Amino acid sequence: MSDGGFEYGGARALVGMHEESLREFLVVWRQADAAQVRLPTTSDPYDVSREALLTHVLGCPARHLTWMCEQLRELMAGG
């Protein structure tokens, strides 16, 4: 069984759980898109449309990983 290149099993588990959740989200999002589901009116820019929600959900992991790397870099630098 491949470890996915992770030295720490916890990281591998988190990545696997995240991937599974994203796949489940995409299934539901595609169903909602096909049914042209309208989201409730909101002032939240991430929830104003199905497309905005999709962009937000898919963009969050990249932003979160970038933030985590920045935090780790600071810790390693003694900050």
PDB file of N, CA and C in Angstrom:
ATOM      1  N   MET A   1       0.837  -1.182   0.000  1.00  0.00           N
ATOM      2  CA  MET A   1       0.000   0.000   0.000  1.00  0.00           C
ATOM      3  C   MET A   1       0.879   1.241   0.000  1.00  0.00           C
ATOM      4  N   SER A   2       0.642   2.165  -0.881  1.00  0.00           N
ATOM      5  CA  SER A   2       1.422   3.383  -0.977  1.00  0.00           C
ATOM      6  C   SER A   2       1.086   4.321   0.170  1.00  0.00           C
ATOM      7  N   ASP A   3       2.115   5.010   0.677  1.00  0.00           N
ATOM      8  CA  ASP A   3       1.877   5.963   1.754  1.00  0.00           C
ATOM      9  C   ASP A   3       1.579   7.353   1.217  1.00  0.00           C
ATOM     10  N   GLY A   4       1.514   7.504  -0.109  1.00  0.00           N
ATOM     11  CA  GLY A   4       1.200   8.788  -0.714  1.00  0.00           C
ATOM     12  C   GLY A   4       2.314   9.804  -0.569  1.00  0.00           C
ATOM     13  N   GLY A   5       3.488   9.370  -0.152  1.00  0.00           N
ATOM     14  CA  GLY A   5       4.616  10.283   0.001  1.00  0.00           C
ATOM     15  C   GLY A   5       4.647  11.005   1.332  1.00  0.00           C
ATOM     16  N   PHE A   6       3.783  10.613   2.267  1.00  0.00           N
ATOM     17  CA  PHE A   6       3.726  11.271   3.562  1.00  0.00           C
ATOM     18  C   PHE A   6       4.538  10.493   4.586  1.00  0.00           C
ATOM     19  N   GLU A   7       5.386  11.203   5.322  1.00  0.00           N
ATOM     20  CA  GLU A   7       6.138  10.562   6.397  1.00  0.00           C
ATOM     21  C   GLU A   7       5.261  10.398   7.630  1.00  0.00           C
ATOM     22  N   TYR A   8       4.310  11.277   7.810  1.00  0.00           N
ATOM     23  CA  TYR A   8       3.440  11.270   8.976  1.00  0.00           C
ATOM     24  C   TYR A   8       2.078  10.708   8.586  1.00  0.00           C
ATOM     25  N   GLY A   9       1.694   9.604   9.209  1.00  0.00           N
ATOM     26  CA  GLY A   9       0.432   8.939   8.881  1.00  0.00           C
ATOM     27  C   GLY A   9      -0.782   9.812   9.104  1.00  0.00           C
ATOM     28  N   GLY A  10      -0.717  10.712  10.103  1.00  0.00           N
ATOM     29  CA  GLY A  10      -1.838  11.612  10.364  1.00  0.00           C
ATOM     30  C   GLY A  10      -2.107  12.527   9.184  1.00  0.00           C
ATOM     31  N   ALA A  11      -1.042  13.011   8.547  1.00  0.00           N
ATOM     32  CA  ALA A  11      -1.210  13.878   7.375  1.00  0.00           C
ATOM     33  C   ALA A  11      -1.851  13.106   6.243  1.00  0.00           C
ATOM     34  N   ARG A  12      -1.412  11.869   6.060  1.00  0.00           N
ATOM     35  CA  ARG A  12      -1.986  11.022   5.007  1.00  0.00           C
ATOM     36  C   ARG A  12      -3.480  10.805   5.261  1.00  0.00           C
ATOM     37  N   ALA A  13      -3.841  10.558   6.511  1.00  0.00           N
ATOM     38  CA  ALA A  13      -5.247  10.339   6.859  1.00  0.00           C
ATOM     39  C   ALA A  13      -6.081  11.597   6.610  1.00  0.00           C
ATOM     40  N   LEU A  14      -5.548  12.749   6.994  1.00  0.00           N
ATOM     41  CA  LEU A  14      -6.283  14.002   6.788  1.00  0.00           C
ATOM     42  C   LEU A  14      -6.479  14.304   5.308  1.00  0.00           C
ATOM     43  N   VAL A  15      -5.452  14.071   4.515  1.00  0.00           N
ATOM     44  CA  VAL A  15      -5.567  14.302   3.079  1.00  0.00           C
ATOM     45  C   VAL A  15      -6.608  13.357   2.486  1.00  0.00           C
ATOM     46  N   GLY A  16      -6.597  12.104   2.925  1.00  0.00           N
ATOM     47  CA  GLY A  16      -7.582  11.139   2.429  1.00  0.00           C
ATOM     48  C   GLY A  16      -9.002  11.530   2.796  1.00  0.00           C
ATOM     49  N   MET A  17      -9.195  11.975   4.037  1.00  0.00           N
ATOM     50  CA  MET A  17     -10.531  12.403   4.467  1.00  0.00           C
ATOM     51  C   MET A  17     -10.982  13.629   3.684  1.00  0.00           C
ATOM     52  N   HIS A  18     -10.060  14.536   3.446  1.00  0.00           N
ATOM     53  CA  HIS A  18     -10.392  15.743   2.701  1.00  0.00           C
ATOM     54  C   HIS A  18     -10.782  15.403   1.272  1.00  0.00           C
ATOM     55  N   GLU A  19     -10.022  14.518   0.650  1.00  0.00           N
ATOM     56  CA  GLU A  19     -10.327  14.111  -0.720  1.00  0.00           C
ATOM     57  C   GLU A  19     -11.712  13.466  -0.798  1.00  0.00           C
ATOM     58  N   GLU A  20     -12.013  12.597   0.155  1.00  0.00           N
ATOM     59  CA  GLU A  20     -13.316  11.937   0.175  1.00  0.00           C
ATOM     60  C   GLU A  20     -14.446  12.959   0.331  1.00  0.00           C
ATOM     61  N   SER A  21     -14.247  13.924   1.221  1.00  0.00           N
ATOM     62  CA  SER A  21     -15.271  14.960   1.436  1.00  0.00           C
ATOM     63  C   SER A  21     -15.479  15.808   0.188  1.00  0.00           C
ATOM     64  N   LEU A  22     -14.387  16.161  -0.484  1.00  0.00           N
ATOM     65  CA  LEU A  22     -14.523  16.952  -1.711  1.00  0.00           C
ATOM     66  C   LEU A  22     -15.266  16.175  -2.794  1.00  0.00           C
ATOM     67  N   ARG A  23     -14.973  14.901  -2.911  1.00  0.00           N
ATOM     68  CA  ARG A  23     -15.675  14.078  -3.905  1.00  0.00           C
ATOM     69  C   ARG A  23     -17.175  14.018  -3.597  1.00  0.00           C
ATOM     70  N   GLU A  24     -17.511  13.854  -2.315  1.00  0.00           N
ATOM     71  CA  GLU A  24     -18.921  13.837  -1.920  1.00  0.00           C
ATOM     72  C   GLU A  24     -19.582  15.185  -2.213  1.00  0.00           C
ATOM     73  N   PHE A  25     -18.886  16.272  -1.904  1.00  0.00           N
ATOM     74  CA  PHE A  25     -19.418  17.600  -2.189  1.00  0.00           C
ATOM     75  C   PHE A  25     -19.692  17.767  -3.675  1.00  0.00           C
ATOM     76  N   LEU A  26     -18.745  17.339  -4.520  1.00  0.00           N
ATOM     77  CA  LEU A  26     -18.921  17.499  -5.964  1.00  0.00           C
ATOM     78  C   LEU A  26     -20.130  16.732  -6.488  1.00  0.00           C
ATOM     79  N   VAL A  27     -20.379  15.554  -5.941  1.00  0.00           N
ATOM     80  CA  VAL A  27     -21.557  14.782  -6.348  1.00  0.00           C
ATOM     81  C   VAL A  27     -22.817  15.582  -6.038  1.00  0.00           C
ATOM     82  N   VAL A  28     -22.902  16.085  -4.815  1.00  0.00           N
ATOM     83  CA  VAL A  28     -24.089  16.846  -4.404  1.00  0.00           C
ATOM     84  C   VAL A  28     -24.180  18.155  -5.183  1.00  0.00           C
ATOM     85  N   TRP A  29     -23.049  18.837  -5.380  1.00  0.00           N
ATOM     86  CA  TRP A  29     -23.071  20.104  -6.111  1.00  0.00           C
ATOM     87  C   TRP A  29     -23.551  19.884  -7.547  1.00  0.00           C
ATOM     88  N   ARG A  30     -23.072  18.835  -8.185  1.00  0.00           N
ATOM     89  CA  ARG A  30     -23.497  18.550  -9.564  1.00  0.00           C
ATOM     90  C   ARG A  30     -24.984  18.252  -9.637  1.00  0.00           C
ATOM     91  N   GLN A  31     -25.511  17.557  -8.645  1.00  0.00           N
ATOM     92  CA  GLN A  31     -26.954  17.296  -8.598  1.00  0.00           C
ATOM     93  C   GLN A  31     -27.719  18.611  -8.437  1.00  0.00           C
ATOM     94  N   ALA A  32     -27.243  19.458  -7.547  1.00  0.00           N
ATOM     95  CA  ALA A  32     -27.892  20.758  -7.332  1.00  0.00           C
ATOM     96  C   ALA A  32     -27.811  21.618  -8.583  1.00  0.00           C
ATOM     97  N   ASP A  33     -26.680  21.581  -9.250  1.00  0.00           N
ATOM     98  CA  ASP A  33     -26.518  22.368 -10.473  1.00  0.00           C
ATOM     99  C   ASP A  33     -27.448  21.864 -11.571  1.00  0.00           C
ATOM    100  N   ALA A  34     -27.530  20.543 -11.722  1.00  0.00           N
ATOM    101  CA  ALA A  34     -28.411  19.970 -12.742  1.00  0.00           C
ATOM    102  C   ALA A  34     -29.877  20.320 -12.463  1.00  0.00           C
ATOM    103  N   ALA A  35     -30.231  20.388 -11.179  1.00  0.00           N
ATOM    104  CA  ALA A  35     -31.605  20.720 -10.793  1.00  0.00           C
ATOM    105  C   ALA A  35     -31.823  22.234 -10.718  1.00  0.00           C
ATOM    106  N   GLN A  36     -30.771  22.994 -10.977  1.00  0.00           N
ATOM    107  CA  GLN A  36     -30.804  24.460 -10.920  1.00  0.00           C
ATOM    108  C   GLN A  36     -31.339  24.966  -9.578  1.00  0.00           C
ATOM    109  N   VAL A  37     -30.833  24.340  -8.517  1.00  0.00           N
ATOM    110  CA  VAL A  37     -31.214  24.743  -7.160  1.00  0.00           C
ATOM    111  C   VAL A  37     -30.772  26.182  -6.925  1.00  0.00           C
ATOM    112  N   ARG A  38     -31.676  26.964  -6.365  1.00  0.00           N
ATOM    113  CA  ARG A  38     -31.354  28.352  -6.005  1.00  0.00           C
ATOM    114  C   ARG A  38     -31.011  28.400  -4.534  1.00  0.00           C
ATOM    115  N   LEU A  39     -29.903  29.027  -4.223  1.00  0.00           N
ATOM    116  CA  LEU A  39     -29.497  29.160  -2.831  1.00  0.00           C
ATOM    117  C   LEU A  39     -30.301  30.286  -2.177  1.00  0.00           C
ATOM    118  N   PRO A  40     -30.486  30.211  -0.862  1.00  0.00           N
ATOM    119  CA  PRO A  40     -31.203  31.286  -0.166  1.00  0.00           C
ATOM    120  C   PRO A  40     -30.486  32.622  -0.336  1.00  0.00           C
ATOM    121  N   THR A  41     -31.219  33.694  -0.309  1.00  0.00           N
ATOM    122  CA  THR A  41     -30.634  35.032  -0.401  1.00  0.00           C
ATOM    123  C   THR A  41     -29.723  35.267   0.798  1.00  0.00           C
ATOM    124  N   THR A  42     -28.542  35.782   0.522  1.00  0.00           N
ATOM    125  CA  THR A  42     -27.564  36.018   1.580  1.00  0.00           C
ATOM    126  C   THR A  42     -26.636  37.150   1.176  1.00  0.00           C
ATOM    127  N   SER A  43     -26.016  37.757   2.166  1.00  0.00           N
ATOM    128  CA  SER A  43     -25.006  38.778   1.879  1.00  0.00           C
ATOM    129  C   SER A  43     -23.607  38.156   1.822  1.00  0.00           C
ATOM    130  N   ASP A  44     -23.517  36.863   2.106  1.00  0.00           N
ATOM    131  CA  ASP A  44     -22.240  36.164   2.076  1.00  0.00           C
ATOM    132  C   ASP A  44     -21.825  35.954   0.619  1.00  0.00           C
ATOM    133  N   PRO A  45     -20.717  36.555   0.196  1.00  0.00           N
ATOM    134  CA  PRO A  45     -20.318  36.452  -1.213  1.00  0.00           C
ATOM    135  C   PRO A  45     -20.009  35.019  -1.654  1.00  0.00           C
ATOM    136  N   TYR A  46     -19.713  34.146  -0.702  1.00  0.00           N
ATOM    137  CA  TYR A  46     -19.406  32.760  -1.055  1.00  0.00           C
ATOM    138  C   TYR A  46     -20.654  31.929  -1.315  1.00  0.00           C
ATOM    139  N   ASP A  47     -21.811  32.455  -0.942  1.00  0.00           N
ATOM    140  CA  ASP A  47     -23.052  31.691  -1.073  1.00  0.00           C
ATOM    141  C   ASP A  47     -24.095  32.363  -1.961  1.00  0.00           C
ATOM    142  N   VAL A  48     -23.682  33.318  -2.791  1.00  0.00           N
ATOM    143  CA  VAL A  48     -24.659  34.029  -3.616  1.00  0.00           C
ATOM    144  C   VAL A  48     -25.109  33.223  -4.830  1.00  0.00           C
ATOM    145  N   SER A  49     -24.336  32.194  -5.170  1.00  0.00           N
ATOM    146  CA  SER A  49     -24.708  31.352  -6.311  1.00  0.00           C
ATOM    147  C   SER A  49     -24.044  29.990  -6.163  1.00  0.00           C
ATOM    148  N   ARG A  50     -24.511  29.039  -6.940  1.00  0.00           N
ATOM    149  CA  ARG A  50     -23.877  27.721  -6.934  1.00  0.00           C
ATOM    150  C   ARG A  50     -22.426  27.827  -7.385  1.00  0.00           C
ATOM    151  N   GLU A  51     -22.172  28.657  -8.371  1.00  0.00           N
ATOM    152  CA  GLU A  51     -20.820  28.810  -8.896  1.00  0.00           C
ATOM    153  C   GLU A  51     -19.888  29.423  -7.851  1.00  0.00           C
ATOM    154  N   ALA A  52     -20.398  30.433  -7.124  1.00  0.00           N
ATOM    155  CA  ALA A  52     -19.584  31.059  -6.074  1.00  0.00           C
ATOM    156  C   ALA A  52     -19.269  30.058  -4.972  1.00  0.00           C
ATOM    157  N   LEU A  53     -20.244  29.239  -4.616  1.00  0.00           N
ATOM    158  CA  LEU A  53     -20.039  28.214  -3.588  1.00  0.00           C
ATOM    159  C   LEU A  53     -18.989  27.204  -4.046  1.00  0.00           C
ATOM    160  N   LEU A  54     -19.091  26.767  -5.283  1.00  0.00           N
ATOM    161  CA  LEU A  54     -18.126  25.806  -5.822  1.00  0.00           C
ATOM    162  C   LEU A  54     -16.715  26.397  -5.816  1.00  0.00           C
ATOM    163  N   THR A  55     -16.587  27.625  -6.277  1.00  0.00           N
ATOM    164  CA  THR A  55     -15.280  28.285  -6.306  1.00  0.00           C
ATOM    165  C   THR A  55     -14.707  28.396  -4.900  1.00  0.00           C
ATOM    166  N   HIS A  56     -15.540  28.742  -3.944  1.00  0.00           N
ATOM    167  CA  HIS A  56     -15.090  28.869  -2.560  1.00  0.00           C
ATOM    168  C   HIS A  56     -14.626  27.526  -2.002  1.00  0.00           C
ATOM    169  N   VAL A  57     -15.435  26.500  -2.166  1.00  0.00           N
ATOM    170  CA  VAL A  57     -15.100  25.190  -1.607  1.00  0.00           C
ATOM    171  C   VAL A  57     -13.827  24.635  -2.245  1.00  0.00           C
ATOM    172  N   LEU A  58     -13.665  24.800  -3.536  1.00  0.00           N
ATOM    173  CA  LEU A  58     -12.472  24.274  -4.208  1.00  0.00           C
ATOM    174  C   LEU A  58     -11.233  25.118  -3.942  1.00  0.00           C
ATOM    175  N   GLY A  59     -11.425  26.407  -3.646  1.00  0.00           N
ATOM    176  CA  GLY A  59     -10.287  27.290  -3.385  1.00  0.00           C
ATOM    177  C   GLY A  59      -9.791  27.240  -1.962  1.00  0.00           C
ATOM    178  N   CYS A  60     -10.649  26.865  -1.032  1.00  0.00           N
ATOM    179  CA  CYS A  60     -10.266  26.843   0.385  1.00  0.00           C
ATOM    180  C   CYS A  60      -9.069  25.946   0.686  1.00  0.00           C
ATOM    181  N   PRO A  61      -9.014  24.744   0.156  1.00  0.00           N
ATOM    182  CA  PRO A  61      -7.872  23.886   0.496  1.00  0.00           C
ATOM    183  C   PRO A  61      -6.530  24.517   0.122  1.00  0.00           C
ATOM    184  N   ALA A  62      -6.460  25.153  -1.018  1.00  0.00           N
ATOM    185  CA  ALA A  62      -5.202  25.779  -1.435  1.00  0.00           C
ATOM    186  C   ALA A  62      -4.821  26.899  -0.475  1.00  0.00           C
ATOM    187  N   ARG A  63      -5.800  27.730  -0.112  1.00  0.00           N
ATOM    188  CA  ARG A  63      -5.511  28.824   0.823  1.00  0.00           C
ATOM    189  C   ARG A  63      -5.124  28.282   2.192  1.00  0.00           C
ATOM    190  N   HIS A  64      -5.811  27.224   2.621  1.00  0.00           N
ATOM    191  CA  HIS A  64      -5.518  26.646   3.932  1.00  0.00           C
ATOM    192  C   HIS A  64      -4.119  26.030   3.951  1.00  0.00           C
ATOM    193  N   LEU A  65      -3.753  25.305   2.920  1.00  0.00           N
ATOM    194  CA  LEU A  65      -2.423  24.703   2.863  1.00  0.00           C
ATOM    195  C   LEU A  65      -1.333  25.770   2.823  1.00  0.00           C
ATOM    196  N   THR A  66      -1.581  26.850   2.090  1.00  0.00           N
ATOM    197  CA  THR A  66      -0.620  27.952   2.034  1.00  0.00           C
ATOM    198  C   THR A  66      -0.430  28.542   3.425  1.00  0.00           C
ATOM    199  N   TRP A  67      -1.539  28.775   4.137  1.00  0.00           N
ATOM    200  CA  TRP A  67      -1.480  29.326   5.478  1.00  0.00           C
ATOM    201  C   TRP A  67      -0.715  28.387   6.417  1.00  0.00           C
ATOM    202  N   MET A  68      -1.020  27.085   6.353  1.00  0.00           N
ATOM    203  CA  MET A  68      -0.330  26.126   7.233  1.00  0.00           C
ATOM    204  C   MET A  68       1.172  26.127   6.967  1.00  0.00           C
ATOM    205  N   CYS A  69       1.566  26.188   5.706  1.00  0.00           N
ATOM    206  CA  CYS A  69       2.995  26.207   5.374  1.00  0.00           C
ATOM    207  C   CYS A  69       3.656  27.467   5.913  1.00  0.00           C
ATOM    208  N   GLU A  70       2.967  28.596   5.823  1.00  0.00           N
ATOM    209  CA  GLU A  70       3.504  29.841   6.373  1.00  0.00           C
ATOM    210  C   GLU A  70       3.694  29.730   7.881  1.00  0.00           C
ATOM    211  N   GLN A  71       2.713  29.127   8.568  1.00  0.00           N
ATOM    212  CA  GLN A  71       2.813  28.963  10.022  1.00  0.00           C
ATOM    213  C   GLN A  71       3.976  28.046  10.384  1.00  0.00           C
ATOM    214  N   LEU A  72       4.119  26.960   9.669  1.00  0.00           N
ATOM    215  CA  LEU A  72       5.214  26.038   9.933  1.00  0.00           C
ATOM    216  C   LEU A  72       6.568  26.695   9.663  1.00  0.00           C
ATOM    217  N   ARG A  73       6.636  27.489   8.595  1.00  0.00           N
ATOM    218  CA  ARG A  73       7.877  28.184   8.253  1.00  0.00           C
ATOM    219  C   ARG A  73       8.274  29.119   9.404  1.00  0.00           C
ATOM    220  N   GLU A  74       7.286  29.829   9.958  1.00  0.00           N
ATOM    221  CA  GLU A  74       7.568  30.722  11.091  1.00  0.00           C
ATOM    222  C   GLU A  74       8.052  29.946  12.307  1.00  0.00           C
ATOM    223  N   LEU A  75       7.400  28.827  12.601  1.00  0.00           N
ATOM    224  CA  LEU A  75       7.818  28.024  13.746  1.00  0.00           C
ATOM    225  C   LEU A  75       9.234  27.501  13.574  1.00  0.00           C
ATOM    226  N   MET A  76       9.547  27.073  12.365  1.00  0.00           N
ATOM    227  CA  MET A  76      10.887  26.548  12.111  1.00  0.00           C
ATOM    228  C   MET A  76      11.943  27.633  12.185  1.00  0.00           C
ATOM    229  N   ALA A  77      11.543  28.873  11.887  1.00  0.00           N
ATOM    230  CA  ALA A  77      12.471  30.001  11.936  1.00  0.00           C
ATOM    231  C   ALA A  77      12.600  30.551  13.357  1.00  0.00           C
ATOM    232  N   GLY A  78      11.823  29.973  14.276  1.00  0.00           N
ATOM    233  CA  GLY A  78      11.894  30.428  15.659  1.00  0.00           C
ATOM    234  C   GLY A  78      10.938  31.551  15.977  1.00  0.00           C
ATOM    235  N   GLY A  79       9.977  31.815  15.043  1.00  0.00           N
ATOM    236  CA  GLY A  79       9.027  32.909  15.233  1.00  0.00           C
ATOM    237  C   GLY A  79       7.893  32.479  16.028  1.00  0.00           C
TER     238      GLY A  79
END
